[in-house]
N, C-alpha and C. Protein backbone atom coordinates (compact mmCIF):
# COMPACT_ATOMS: atom_id res chain seq x y z
N UNK A 1 188.00 202.23 50.98
CA UNK A 1 188.86 201.31 51.50
C UNK A 1 190.14 201.08 51.53
N UNK A 2 190.98 200.10 52.06
CA UNK A 2 192.32 200.37 51.72
C UNK A 2 192.72 199.17 50.87
N UNK A 3 193.58 199.26 50.29
CA UNK A 3 194.10 198.18 49.42
C UNK A 3 195.03 197.66 50.04
N UNK A 4 194.65 195.96 50.01
CA UNK A 4 195.47 194.83 50.74
C UNK A 4 197.23 195.16 50.09
N UNK A 5 197.96 194.86 51.06
CA UNK A 5 199.17 195.16 50.56
C UNK A 5 199.84 193.83 49.59
N UNK A 6 200.76 194.09 49.02
CA UNK A 6 201.18 193.30 48.45
C UNK A 6 203.02 193.06 48.56
N UNK A 7 203.41 191.91 48.14
CA UNK A 7 204.53 191.50 48.17
C UNK A 7 205.71 192.68 47.93
N UNK A 8 206.74 193.07 48.61
CA UNK A 8 207.58 194.06 47.53
C UNK A 8 208.11 193.70 46.49
N UNK A 9 208.47 192.35 46.41
CA UNK A 9 209.08 191.95 44.73
C UNK A 9 208.04 192.08 43.98
N UNK A 10 206.86 192.43 44.26
CA UNK A 10 205.50 192.60 42.77
C UNK A 10 205.30 194.13 42.90
N UNK A 11 205.86 194.93 44.06
CA UNK A 11 205.62 196.23 43.44
C UNK A 11 206.43 196.98 42.50
N UNK A 12 205.92 197.75 41.90
CA UNK A 12 206.72 198.60 41.04
C UNK A 12 207.92 199.19 41.75
N UNK A 13 209.30 198.86 40.77
CA UNK A 13 210.48 199.19 41.63
C UNK A 13 210.71 200.50 41.02
N UNK A 14 211.47 201.72 41.97
CA UNK A 14 212.12 202.54 41.11
C UNK A 14 213.07 202.46 40.20
N UNK A 15 213.28 203.59 39.48
CA UNK A 15 214.70 203.16 38.94
C UNK A 15 215.80 202.95 39.15
N UNK A 16 216.42 202.05 39.33
CA UNK A 16 217.76 201.28 40.01
C UNK A 16 219.01 201.55 38.88
N UNK A 17 219.97 201.78 39.91
CA UNK A 17 221.18 201.68 39.00
C UNK A 17 221.68 200.76 38.48
N UNK A 18 222.45 200.34 37.47
CA UNK A 18 222.92 199.27 37.41
C UNK A 18 223.98 198.58 38.52
N UNK A 19 224.26 197.48 38.77
CA UNK A 19 225.43 197.27 39.67
C UNK A 19 226.18 196.13 39.46
N UNK A 20 225.84 195.45 38.02
CA UNK A 20 226.61 194.22 37.49
C UNK A 20 227.14 194.49 36.80
N UNK A 21 228.13 193.94 36.14
CA UNK A 21 229.36 193.63 37.19
C UNK A 21 229.52 194.91 37.93
N UNK A 22 230.53 194.24 39.45
CA UNK A 22 230.71 195.46 39.88
C UNK A 22 232.03 196.01 39.10
N UNK A 23 232.17 197.45 38.74
CA UNK A 23 233.37 198.21 38.36
C UNK A 23 233.63 199.17 39.24
N UNK A 24 235.26 199.60 39.17
CA UNK A 24 235.34 201.19 39.85
C UNK A 24 234.71 202.20 39.28
N UNK A 25 234.46 203.65 39.92
CA UNK A 25 233.93 204.47 39.38
C UNK A 25 234.59 205.19 38.39
N UNK A 26 235.92 204.80 38.27
CA UNK A 26 236.93 205.45 37.07
C UNK A 26 236.79 204.59 35.85
N UNK A 27 236.33 203.56 35.61
CA UNK A 27 236.15 203.16 34.84
C UNK A 27 234.98 203.26 33.75
N UNK A 28 235.38 203.52 32.40
CA UNK A 28 234.76 203.89 31.50
C UNK A 28 233.48 203.21 31.09
N UNK A 29 233.90 201.92 31.14
CA UNK A 29 232.40 200.93 31.13
C UNK A 29 231.87 201.06 32.30
N UNK A 30 230.59 200.95 32.27
CA UNK A 30 229.38 200.91 33.23
C UNK A 30 228.92 199.83 33.83
N UNK A 31 228.37 199.18 34.49
CA UNK A 31 227.61 198.21 34.95
C UNK A 31 226.51 197.81 33.92
N UNK A 32 226.17 196.70 33.54
CA UNK A 32 225.22 196.34 32.54
C UNK A 32 223.64 195.78 33.07
N UNK A 33 224.34 195.11 34.31
CA UNK A 33 222.82 194.78 34.66
C UNK A 33 222.54 195.46 36.37
N UNK A 34 221.22 195.40 36.26
CA UNK A 34 220.69 195.24 38.21
C UNK A 34 220.55 193.96 38.49
N UNK A 35 221.39 193.72 39.85
CA UNK A 35 221.35 192.31 40.35
C UNK A 35 221.32 192.58 41.86
N UNK A 36 220.16 192.43 42.74
CA UNK A 36 219.89 192.08 43.93
C UNK A 36 219.06 190.95 44.69
N UNK A 37 219.87 189.61 44.71
CA UNK A 37 219.09 188.66 45.17
C UNK A 37 218.08 188.86 46.30
N UNK A 38 218.83 189.34 47.19
CA UNK A 38 217.76 189.71 48.80
C UNK A 38 215.99 190.27 48.07
N UNK A 39 216.59 191.39 47.14
CA UNK A 39 215.27 192.28 47.16
C UNK A 39 214.46 192.21 45.99
N UNK A 40 215.29 191.15 44.99
CA UNK A 40 214.70 190.85 43.49
C UNK A 40 213.98 189.41 43.64
N UNK A 41 214.21 188.47 44.59
CA UNK A 41 214.11 186.89 44.48
C UNK A 41 213.31 186.92 45.44
N UNK A 42 212.30 186.13 45.48
CA UNK A 42 211.12 185.63 46.20
C UNK A 42 212.12 184.75 47.38
N UNK A 43 211.52 185.05 48.76
CA UNK A 43 212.79 184.28 49.72
C UNK A 43 213.14 182.62 49.55
N UNK A 44 211.73 182.02 48.91
CA UNK A 44 211.84 180.81 48.96
C UNK A 44 213.22 179.93 48.10
N UNK A 45 213.38 181.14 47.12
CA UNK A 45 214.32 180.62 45.84
C UNK A 45 215.85 181.23 45.94
N UNK A 46 215.93 182.16 46.52
CA UNK A 46 216.98 183.07 47.28
C UNK A 46 218.10 182.36 46.79
N UNK A 47 218.28 181.28 47.77
CA UNK A 47 219.02 179.99 47.93
C UNK A 47 220.08 179.19 46.51
N UNK A 48 218.34 178.82 45.68
CA UNK A 48 218.93 178.53 44.47
C UNK A 48 219.38 179.34 44.01
N UNK A 49 218.82 180.83 43.46
CA UNK A 49 219.68 181.39 42.75
C UNK A 49 221.33 182.20 43.26
N UNK A 50 221.38 182.37 44.66
CA UNK A 50 222.51 182.25 45.12
C UNK A 50 223.56 181.13 44.53
N UNK A 51 223.16 179.89 45.06
CA UNK A 51 223.72 178.79 44.43
C UNK A 51 224.42 178.80 43.08
N UNK A 52 223.18 179.08 41.91
CA UNK A 52 223.60 179.14 40.15
C UNK A 52 224.58 180.64 40.21
N UNK A 53 224.11 181.52 40.88
CA UNK A 53 225.53 182.63 40.74
C UNK A 53 226.85 182.14 40.82
N UNK A 54 226.95 181.16 42.31
CA UNK A 54 228.24 180.40 42.59
C UNK A 54 228.44 179.28 41.66
N UNK A 55 227.98 179.06 40.99
CA UNK A 55 228.28 177.95 40.02
C UNK A 55 228.72 178.49 38.76
N UNK A 56 227.96 179.64 38.05
CA UNK A 56 228.53 180.48 37.43
C UNK A 56 230.23 180.78 37.54
N UNK A 57 230.26 181.25 38.64
CA UNK A 57 231.48 182.02 38.92
C UNK A 57 232.59 180.82 39.20
N UNK A 58 232.09 179.53 39.66
CA UNK A 58 233.22 178.85 39.57
C UNK A 58 233.68 177.94 38.15
N UNK A 59 232.61 177.90 37.36
CA UNK A 59 232.64 177.58 35.98
C UNK A 59 233.64 178.78 35.67
N UNK A 60 233.66 179.78 35.72
CA UNK A 60 234.70 181.23 34.90
C UNK A 60 235.88 180.39 35.38
N UNK A 61 235.93 180.35 37.35
CA UNK A 61 237.32 179.83 37.80
C UNK A 61 237.93 178.79 36.68
N UNK A 62 237.07 178.03 36.49
CA UNK A 62 237.85 176.69 35.98
C UNK A 62 238.19 176.52 34.58
N UNK A 63 237.34 177.92 33.75
CA UNK A 63 237.97 177.95 32.39
C UNK A 63 239.09 178.80 32.69
N UNK A 64 239.46 179.74 33.59
CA UNK A 64 240.64 180.39 33.68
C UNK A 64 242.04 179.51 34.34
N UNK A 65 241.63 178.54 35.06
CA UNK A 65 242.73 177.32 35.31
C UNK A 65 242.74 176.61 34.07
N UNK A 66 241.48 176.46 33.58
CA UNK A 66 241.82 175.44 32.51
C UNK A 66 242.70 176.30 31.29
N UNK A 67 242.83 177.72 31.17
CA UNK A 67 243.65 178.57 30.22
C UNK A 67 245.11 178.40 30.51
N UNK A 68 245.17 178.43 32.00
CA UNK A 68 246.47 178.23 32.69
C UNK A 68 247.21 177.13 32.62
N UNK A 69 246.41 175.68 32.48
CA UNK A 69 246.75 174.26 32.28
C UNK A 69 247.40 174.25 30.96
N UNK A 70 246.50 174.80 30.06
CA UNK A 70 246.68 174.58 28.66
C UNK A 70 247.69 175.15 27.95
N UNK A 71 248.21 176.31 28.91
CA UNK A 71 249.72 177.25 28.57
C UNK A 71 250.79 176.54 28.79
N UNK A 72 250.40 175.79 30.39
CA UNK A 72 251.79 175.03 30.57
C UNK A 72 251.74 173.42 29.88
N UNK A 73 250.38 173.53 29.19
CA UNK A 73 250.95 171.93 28.55
C UNK A 73 251.24 172.28 26.75
N UNK A 74 251.09 173.50 26.22
CA UNK A 74 251.36 174.29 25.33
C UNK A 74 252.84 174.23 25.47
N UNK A 75 253.51 174.75 26.79
CA UNK A 75 254.79 175.12 26.80
C UNK A 75 255.63 173.66 26.55
N UNK A 76 254.98 172.52 27.18
CA UNK A 76 255.54 171.31 27.24
C UNK A 76 255.40 170.63 25.85
N UNK A 77 254.27 170.80 25.23
CA UNK A 77 254.20 170.08 24.44
C UNK A 77 253.80 170.97 23.25
N UNK A 78 254.76 171.42 22.31
CA UNK A 78 254.53 172.78 21.41
C UNK A 78 253.06 171.93 20.27
N UNK A 79 253.18 171.10 20.00
CA UNK A 79 252.04 170.70 18.69
C UNK A 79 250.62 170.92 19.54
N UNK A 80 250.44 170.98 20.92
CA UNK A 80 249.13 171.31 21.46
C UNK A 80 248.57 172.82 21.19
N UNK A 81 248.61 173.50 19.95
CA UNK A 81 248.79 175.02 20.01
C UNK A 81 247.17 175.52 19.81
N UNK A 82 246.25 174.22 18.85
CA UNK A 82 244.83 174.54 18.89
C UNK A 82 244.16 174.34 20.29
N UNK A 83 244.39 172.99 20.95
CA UNK A 83 243.85 173.34 22.42
C UNK A 83 244.13 174.80 23.09
N UNK A 84 245.32 174.67 23.36
CA UNK A 84 245.65 176.01 23.86
C UNK A 84 244.83 177.43 23.33
N UNK A 85 244.88 177.32 22.01
CA UNK A 85 243.85 178.10 21.31
C UNK A 85 242.47 178.47 21.69
N UNK A 86 242.08 177.01 21.54
CA UNK A 86 240.55 176.95 22.18
C UNK A 86 240.40 177.22 23.33
N UNK A 87 241.37 177.13 24.39
CA UNK A 87 241.44 177.35 25.81
C UNK A 87 240.75 178.79 25.84
N UNK A 88 241.57 179.33 25.18
CA UNK A 88 241.38 181.22 25.05
C UNK A 88 240.13 181.09 24.60
N UNK A 89 239.80 181.01 23.61
CA UNK A 89 238.56 181.04 23.12
C UNK A 89 237.02 180.62 24.09
N UNK A 90 237.25 180.05 24.64
CA UNK A 90 236.20 179.09 25.44
C UNK A 90 236.29 180.20 26.87
N UNK A 91 237.22 180.56 27.38
CA UNK A 91 237.25 181.56 28.46
C UNK A 91 236.78 182.77 28.00
N UNK A 92 237.04 183.16 27.01
CA UNK A 92 236.49 184.51 26.25
C UNK A 92 235.02 184.45 26.27
N UNK A 93 234.89 183.57 25.66
CA UNK A 93 233.22 183.04 24.98
C UNK A 93 232.11 182.83 25.70
N UNK A 94 232.79 181.85 26.77
CA UNK A 94 231.92 180.79 27.55
C UNK A 94 231.33 182.07 29.22
N UNK A 95 232.33 182.77 29.52
CA UNK A 95 232.33 183.46 30.49
C UNK A 95 231.05 184.29 30.53
N UNK A 96 231.23 185.39 29.57
CA UNK A 96 230.09 186.50 29.29
C UNK A 96 228.51 185.76 28.77
N UNK A 97 228.46 184.42 28.12
CA UNK A 97 227.68 183.77 27.14
C UNK A 97 226.92 183.38 28.36
N UNK A 98 227.40 182.66 28.92
CA UNK A 98 226.98 181.70 30.41
C UNK A 98 225.87 182.52 31.13
N UNK A 99 226.52 183.72 31.42
CA UNK A 99 225.79 184.75 32.48
C UNK A 99 224.80 185.24 31.68
N UNK A 100 224.54 185.59 30.41
CA UNK A 100 223.67 186.47 29.48
C UNK A 100 222.86 185.50 29.51
N UNK A 101 223.25 183.88 28.81
CA UNK A 101 222.23 182.63 28.18
C UNK A 101 221.76 182.02 29.39
N UNK A 102 222.62 182.06 30.08
CA UNK A 102 221.65 181.05 31.13
C UNK A 102 221.33 181.62 32.71
N UNK A 103 222.50 182.20 33.02
CA UNK A 103 222.07 182.63 34.62
C UNK A 103 221.00 183.95 34.40
N UNK A 104 221.01 184.75 33.59
CA UNK A 104 220.00 185.85 33.55
C UNK A 104 218.94 185.43 33.12
N UNK A 105 218.64 184.98 32.13
CA UNK A 105 217.00 183.85 32.23
C UNK A 105 216.65 183.40 33.61
N UNK A 106 217.48 182.36 34.25
CA UNK A 106 217.20 181.97 35.02
C UNK A 106 216.76 182.87 36.35
N UNK A 107 217.79 184.05 36.70
CA UNK A 107 217.32 185.45 38.07
C UNK A 107 215.83 185.69 37.33
N UNK A 108 215.59 186.28 35.81
CA UNK A 108 214.39 187.03 35.77
C UNK A 108 213.30 185.90 36.01
N UNK A 109 213.61 184.41 35.50
CA UNK A 109 212.63 183.74 35.70
C UNK A 109 211.88 183.70 37.13
N UNK A 110 212.87 183.03 38.42
CA UNK A 110 212.43 183.53 39.53
C UNK A 110 212.33 184.73 40.06
N UNK A 111 212.62 186.18 39.41
CA UNK A 111 212.21 187.38 39.54
C UNK A 111 210.90 187.26 39.53
N UNK A 112 210.48 187.02 38.12
CA UNK A 112 208.86 187.03 37.79
C UNK A 112 208.26 186.10 37.21
N UNK A 113 208.56 184.92 37.91
CA UNK A 113 207.49 183.82 37.35
C UNK A 113 207.50 183.61 36.24
N UNK A 114 208.73 183.99 34.81
CA UNK A 114 208.19 183.93 33.54
C UNK A 114 208.76 182.77 33.09
N UNK A 115 207.40 181.81 32.55
CA UNK A 115 207.62 180.80 31.72
C UNK A 115 209.09 180.19 30.99
N UNK A 116 208.57 181.60 29.82
CA UNK A 116 209.65 181.80 28.98
C UNK A 116 211.10 181.78 29.47
N UNK A 117 211.46 182.61 30.36
CA UNK A 117 212.95 182.93 30.92
C UNK A 117 213.13 181.48 31.69
N UNK A 118 212.33 180.39 32.04
CA UNK A 118 212.38 179.09 32.00
C UNK A 118 212.82 178.51 31.46
N UNK A 119 212.19 178.55 30.09
CA UNK A 119 212.44 177.56 29.15
C UNK A 119 213.50 177.79 28.46
N UNK A 120 213.99 179.14 28.45
CA UNK A 120 215.35 179.57 27.98
C UNK A 120 216.43 179.05 28.77
N UNK A 121 216.19 179.28 30.11
CA UNK A 121 217.29 178.57 30.94
C UNK A 121 217.46 177.08 30.97
N UNK A 122 216.21 176.50 30.80
CA UNK A 122 216.24 174.91 30.74
C UNK A 122 216.92 174.52 29.65
N UNK A 123 216.64 175.01 28.11
CA UNK A 123 217.35 174.94 27.36
C UNK A 123 218.71 174.89 26.76
N UNK A 124 219.26 176.11 27.44
CA UNK A 124 220.63 176.65 27.62
C UNK A 124 221.33 175.69 28.54
N UNK A 125 221.08 175.66 29.52
CA UNK A 125 221.68 175.21 30.60
C UNK A 125 221.91 173.73 30.49
N UNK A 126 220.76 173.09 29.72
CA UNK A 126 221.31 171.63 29.63
C UNK A 126 222.41 171.48 28.58
N UNK A 127 222.45 172.35 27.71
CA UNK A 127 223.54 172.40 26.61
C UNK A 127 224.68 172.57 27.56
N UNK A 128 224.85 173.03 28.28
CA UNK A 128 225.85 173.93 29.11
C UNK A 128 226.28 172.83 30.23
N UNK A 129 225.41 171.83 30.25
CA UNK A 129 225.75 170.75 31.55
C UNK A 129 226.54 169.67 30.35
N UNK A 130 226.16 169.42 28.92
CA UNK A 130 226.64 168.66 28.46
C UNK A 130 228.41 169.19 28.13
N UNK A 131 228.30 170.43 27.85
CA UNK A 131 229.60 171.25 27.65
C UNK A 131 230.76 170.80 29.09
N UNK A 132 229.81 170.82 30.03
CA UNK A 132 230.45 170.70 31.25
C UNK A 132 231.38 169.20 31.62
N UNK A 133 230.13 168.72 31.04
CA UNK A 133 230.72 166.90 30.73
C UNK A 133 231.88 166.82 29.96
N UNK A 134 231.83 167.59 28.67
CA UNK A 134 232.84 167.18 27.72
C UNK A 134 234.07 167.69 28.31
N UNK A 135 233.91 169.33 29.42
CA UNK A 135 235.39 169.74 29.44
C UNK A 135 235.98 168.79 30.67
N UNK A 136 235.11 168.02 31.61
CA UNK A 136 235.49 166.70 32.02
C UNK A 136 236.26 166.01 31.75
N UNK A 137 235.40 165.62 30.73
CA UNK A 137 236.61 164.55 29.90
C UNK A 137 237.61 164.87 29.50
N UNK A 138 237.54 165.84 28.90
CA UNK A 138 238.84 166.79 28.15
C UNK A 138 239.70 165.67 26.96
N UNK A 139 238.66 166.05 26.06
CA UNK A 139 239.25 165.48 24.85
C UNK A 139 240.43 166.14 23.91
N UNK A 140 241.57 165.47 23.68
CA UNK A 140 242.71 166.32 23.21
C UNK A 140 242.29 167.16 22.26
N UNK A 141 242.61 168.30 21.77
CA UNK A 141 242.83 169.33 21.05
C UNK A 141 241.38 170.06 20.96
N UNK A 142 240.82 169.93 22.09
CA UNK A 142 239.08 170.52 22.01
C UNK A 142 239.45 171.82 23.10
N UNK A 143 240.56 171.75 23.68
CA UNK A 143 240.72 172.69 24.79
C UNK A 143 240.76 173.04 26.02
N UNK A 144 240.20 171.83 26.39
CA UNK A 144 239.73 171.81 28.05
C UNK A 144 240.78 170.47 28.32
N UNK A 145 241.34 170.86 29.50
CA UNK A 145 242.60 170.06 30.16
C UNK A 145 241.44 169.21 31.20
N UNK A 146 240.92 167.86 30.73
CA UNK A 146 239.80 166.99 31.50
C UNK A 146 240.58 165.88 31.94
N UNK A 147 240.02 164.61 31.98
CA UNK A 147 240.54 163.60 32.39
C UNK A 147 241.73 162.91 31.37
N UNK A 148 241.38 162.74 30.17
CA UNK A 148 242.10 161.93 28.95
C UNK A 148 242.98 162.82 28.98
N UNK A 149 243.18 164.16 28.66
CA UNK A 149 244.09 164.90 28.26
C UNK A 149 245.35 164.84 29.94
N UNK A 150 244.76 165.16 30.95
CA UNK A 150 245.59 164.90 31.88
C UNK A 150 246.60 163.54 32.31
N UNK A 151 245.76 162.48 31.89
CA UNK A 151 246.18 161.32 31.74
C UNK A 151 247.27 161.20 30.59
N UNK A 152 247.16 161.87 29.62
CA UNK A 152 248.16 161.78 28.33
C UNK A 152 249.61 162.47 28.99
N UNK A 153 249.13 163.80 29.72
CA UNK A 153 250.13 164.64 30.19
C UNK A 153 251.15 164.03 31.22
N UNK A 154 250.43 163.02 32.07
CA UNK A 154 250.92 162.24 33.15
C UNK A 154 252.28 161.47 32.27
N UNK A 155 252.29 161.12 31.36
CA UNK A 155 253.48 160.52 30.61
C UNK A 155 254.27 161.43 30.19
N UNK A 156 254.33 162.51 29.88
CA UNK A 156 255.33 163.52 29.42
C UNK A 156 255.67 164.35 30.56
N UNK A 157 254.91 164.65 31.24
CA UNK A 157 255.47 165.96 32.35
C UNK A 157 254.40 165.94 33.80
N UNK A 158 255.25 165.64 34.86
CA UNK A 158 253.97 165.43 35.95
C UNK A 158 253.83 166.40 36.41
N UNK A 159 254.26 167.54 36.52
CA UNK A 159 254.35 168.64 36.90
C UNK A 159 252.75 169.47 36.22
N UNK A 160 252.98 169.64 35.35
CA UNK A 160 251.65 169.78 34.29
C UNK A 160 250.49 169.06 34.72
N UNK A 161 250.66 167.79 34.42
CA UNK A 161 249.73 166.68 34.77
C UNK A 161 249.03 167.20 36.07
N UNK A 162 249.81 167.18 36.84
CA UNK A 162 249.19 167.70 38.24
C UNK A 162 248.19 168.70 38.00
N UNK A 163 248.64 169.49 37.42
CA UNK A 163 247.71 171.19 37.02
C UNK A 163 247.02 170.71 36.62
N UNK A 164 246.64 169.83 35.39
CA UNK A 164 245.75 169.51 34.55
C UNK A 164 244.78 168.50 35.30
N UNK A 165 244.99 167.49 36.50
CA UNK A 165 244.15 167.13 37.23
C UNK A 165 243.15 167.78 38.10
N UNK A 166 243.95 169.04 38.44
CA UNK A 166 243.37 169.59 39.21
C UNK A 166 242.00 170.49 39.10
N UNK A 167 242.79 170.53 37.53
CA UNK A 167 241.34 171.53 36.82
C UNK A 167 240.45 170.43 35.96
N UNK A 168 240.62 169.02 36.02
CA UNK A 168 239.71 168.19 36.01
C UNK A 168 238.78 167.79 36.98
N UNK A 169 239.39 167.83 38.26
CA UNK A 169 238.84 167.70 39.56
C UNK A 169 237.80 169.30 39.43
N UNK A 170 237.82 170.03 39.36
CA UNK A 170 236.93 171.58 39.03
C UNK A 170 235.95 171.06 37.96
N UNK A 171 236.56 170.47 36.96
CA UNK A 171 235.35 170.52 35.78
C UNK A 171 234.11 169.40 36.44
N UNK A 172 235.10 168.33 36.77
CA UNK A 172 234.32 167.38 37.05
C UNK A 172 233.04 167.94 38.56
N UNK A 173 233.57 168.97 39.32
CA UNK A 173 232.81 169.20 40.53
C UNK A 173 231.90 170.38 39.68
N UNK A 174 232.31 171.20 38.53
CA UNK A 174 231.47 171.81 38.33
C UNK A 174 230.35 171.30 37.24
N UNK A 175 230.38 170.08 36.62
CA UNK A 175 229.63 169.08 35.98
C UNK A 175 228.40 168.59 36.82
N UNK A 176 229.37 168.09 37.91
CA UNK A 176 228.16 167.18 38.96
C UNK A 176 227.21 168.51 39.45
N UNK A 177 227.95 169.57 40.05
CA UNK A 177 226.90 170.68 40.75
C UNK A 177 226.18 171.20 39.47
N UNK A 178 226.16 171.24 38.16
CA UNK A 178 225.37 171.64 37.45
C UNK A 178 224.36 170.66 37.09
N UNK A 179 224.65 169.29 37.19
CA UNK A 179 223.06 168.67 36.82
C UNK A 179 222.37 168.37 38.16
N UNK A 180 223.13 168.55 38.99
CA UNK A 180 222.28 168.71 40.69
C UNK A 180 221.33 169.70 40.48
N UNK A 181 222.02 171.27 39.91
CA UNK A 181 221.41 172.27 40.11
C UNK A 181 220.02 172.44 39.29
N UNK A 182 219.94 171.59 38.11
CA UNK A 182 219.35 171.47 36.77
C UNK A 182 218.11 170.77 37.53
N UNK A 183 218.43 170.24 38.36
CA UNK A 183 217.11 168.99 38.87
C UNK A 183 216.37 170.08 40.01
N UNK A 184 217.28 170.68 40.79
CA UNK A 184 216.96 171.47 41.60
C UNK A 184 215.74 172.66 41.41
N UNK A 185 216.47 173.50 40.37
CA UNK A 185 215.84 174.70 39.73
C UNK A 185 214.67 173.98 38.96
N UNK A 186 214.58 172.98 38.00
CA UNK A 186 213.46 171.93 37.98
C UNK A 186 212.10 171.76 38.90
N UNK A 187 212.99 171.60 40.16
CA UNK A 187 212.03 171.14 41.55
C UNK A 187 211.27 172.51 42.08
N UNK A 188 212.09 173.35 41.91
CA UNK A 188 211.75 174.84 42.42
C UNK A 188 210.38 175.09 41.41
N UNK A 189 211.07 175.34 40.02
CA UNK A 189 209.91 175.66 39.47
C UNK A 189 208.92 174.88 39.46
N UNK A 190 208.45 173.37 39.66
CA UNK A 190 207.26 172.84 39.72
C UNK A 190 206.69 173.29 40.83
N UNK A 191 207.35 173.42 41.99
CA UNK A 191 206.86 173.94 43.72
C UNK A 191 206.47 175.11 44.06
N UNK A 192 206.88 176.13 42.60
CA UNK A 192 206.51 177.28 42.99
C UNK A 192 205.23 178.27 42.17
């Protein structure tokens, strides 16, 4: 008798070479993960996973811009050194940790319909969304160029304040999209 065909994402996959992060071949550090959304993620969830990947990239860009605006603020206001130092820490810490701690569990959860990975994702991504909101608020000396710090900078240096307002807008957009996507992943989880 013939065996029924199964979906391609359920078939055992041949050994695949890690392809993420994409690095040049001469680089001594090699990619750590295999990631191919069209191949590994069921079609119903590919848009969600892709959007979450773009959200991760946007949060990384926001942290880099935050570092630049914190540097500019430090040049204008030398007493803000702790905020500048923390902006470096957040950029170096949140970028890899957010990828490993919430993006990869979400990716693996949709790839293999794993309840444990969904649990890890929801727990960590909820905490990440709290941080997104705190980043947008911008409490002084926390290392985030959010709204409060932008308004403080407006009284000191307009150019730096404009730069910080742009970062605040970016942080706000990431926070709003993070909350929307938390709900979207929750809906996709219950519908799948």
